[in-house]
Protein backbone atom coordinates (compact mmCIF):
# COMPACT_ATOMS: atom_id res chain seq x y z
CA MET A 1 180.71 -42.75 31.79
CA PRO A 2 180.35 -45.98 33.77
CA THR A 3 178.38 -45.90 36.99
CA GLN A 4 180.00 -46.71 40.34
CA GLU A 5 178.02 -49.95 40.47
CA LYS A 6 179.37 -50.97 37.07
CA LEU A 7 182.92 -50.10 38.13
CA ASN A 8 182.49 -52.15 41.32
CA THR A 9 181.22 -55.11 39.30
CA GLN A 10 184.13 -54.80 36.87
CA GLY A 11 186.53 -54.68 39.82
CA ARG A 12 185.08 -57.82 41.42
CA GLU A 13 185.12 -59.67 38.09
CA TYR A 14 188.72 -58.63 37.46
CA ILE A 15 189.78 -59.87 40.91
CA GLU A 16 188.02 -63.19 40.30
CA ARG A 17 189.80 -63.65 36.94
CA VAL A 18 193.18 -62.97 38.52
CA ALA A 19 192.33 -65.27 41.46
CA ASN A 20 191.47 -68.04 38.98
CA THR A 21 194.84 -67.52 37.30
CA VAL A 22 196.60 -67.70 40.68
CA ARG A 23 194.81 -70.98 41.52
CA LEU A 24 195.76 -72.48 38.16
CA LEU A 25 199.39 -71.44 38.50
CA TRP A 26 199.52 -72.75 42.08
CA ARG A 27 198.32 -76.13 40.88
CA ARG A 28 200.77 -76.19 37.96
CA ALA A 29 203.71 -75.06 40.10
CA CYS A 30 202.92 -77.70 42.74
CA GLU A 31 202.60 -80.42 40.14
CA ALA A 32 205.88 -79.36 38.50
CA GLN A 33 207.78 -80.10 41.68
CA GLY A 34 205.73 -83.06 42.90
CA THR A 35 204.00 -81.20 45.74
CA ASP A 36 200.39 -81.81 46.71
CA PRO A 37 198.38 -78.80 45.42
CA GLY A 38 196.21 -79.12 48.54
CA ALA A 39 199.16 -78.15 50.74
CA LYS A 40 198.64 -74.95 52.74
CA PHE A 41 202.23 -73.74 52.50
CA VAL A 42 204.74 -74.37 49.72
CA ILE A 43 208.09 -72.89 48.83
CA PHE A 44 208.56 -73.18 45.11
CA ALA A 45 212.03 -74.08 43.87
CA ASP A 46 213.84 -71.36 41.95
CA ASP A 47 214.00 -73.63 38.90
CA ASN A 48 210.21 -74.22 38.91
CA LYS A 49 209.15 -72.79 35.53
CA PHE A 50 205.78 -71.67 36.97
CA LYS A 51 207.24 -69.78 39.95
CA PRO A 52 207.79 -66.39 38.24
CA PHE A 53 204.30 -66.50 36.71
CA TYR A 54 202.72 -67.46 40.05
CA ASP A 55 204.64 -64.71 41.86
CA LYS A 56 203.58 -62.07 39.32
CA ALA A 57 199.92 -63.17 39.36
CA MET A 58 199.85 -63.23 43.17
CA THR A 59 201.37 -59.74 43.33
CA GLU A 60 198.72 -58.52 40.88
CA LEU A 61 195.94 -60.16 42.91
CA LEU A 62 197.06 -58.62 46.18
CA ALA A 63 197.38 -55.18 44.57
CA ALA A 64 193.93 -55.46 42.99
CA LYS A 65 192.38 -56.44 46.33
CA ARG A 66 194.04 -53.48 48.06
CA GLU A 67 192.88 -51.10 45.34
CA TYR A 68 189.34 -52.47 45.46
CA ALA A 69 189.16 -52.19 49.25
CA ALA A 70 190.37 -48.59 49.01
CA GLY A 71 187.70 -47.74 46.45
CA GLY A 72 190.08 -47.75 43.50
CA TYR A 73 189.14 -48.56 39.95
CA VAL A 74 190.42 -52.12 39.74
CA GLY A 75 190.84 -53.54 36.26
CA LEU A 76 189.63 -50.33 34.63
CA GLN A 77 190.67 -49.97 31.02
CA ILE A 78 190.72 -46.69 29.16
CA GLY A 79 189.55 -47.04 25.57
CA ALA A 80 189.76 -44.83 22.52
CA GLY A 81 188.85 -41.25 23.23
CA GLY A 82 189.75 -41.61 26.92
CA LYS A 83 186.51 -43.35 27.85
CA ALA A 84 186.44 -45.95 30.63
CA ARG A 85 185.14 -49.35 29.67
């Protein structure tokens, strides 16, 4: 069984991976509509092909951060035999 420290590390690493995905999708979505990726606020056009992916990744990131702050097991995967990994 993983220790709490290991679970915390896995949670932080999971959040960082999702955050990296969000940053990449932000950049791609901005570029797709000719917006400066350095802008602080952007409304993506409905026909921006990256918008649904960005929205989903951002929703996942916010949920993971809430779960982590609440002591949840963020990014935990259950393997064969019901063991956490």
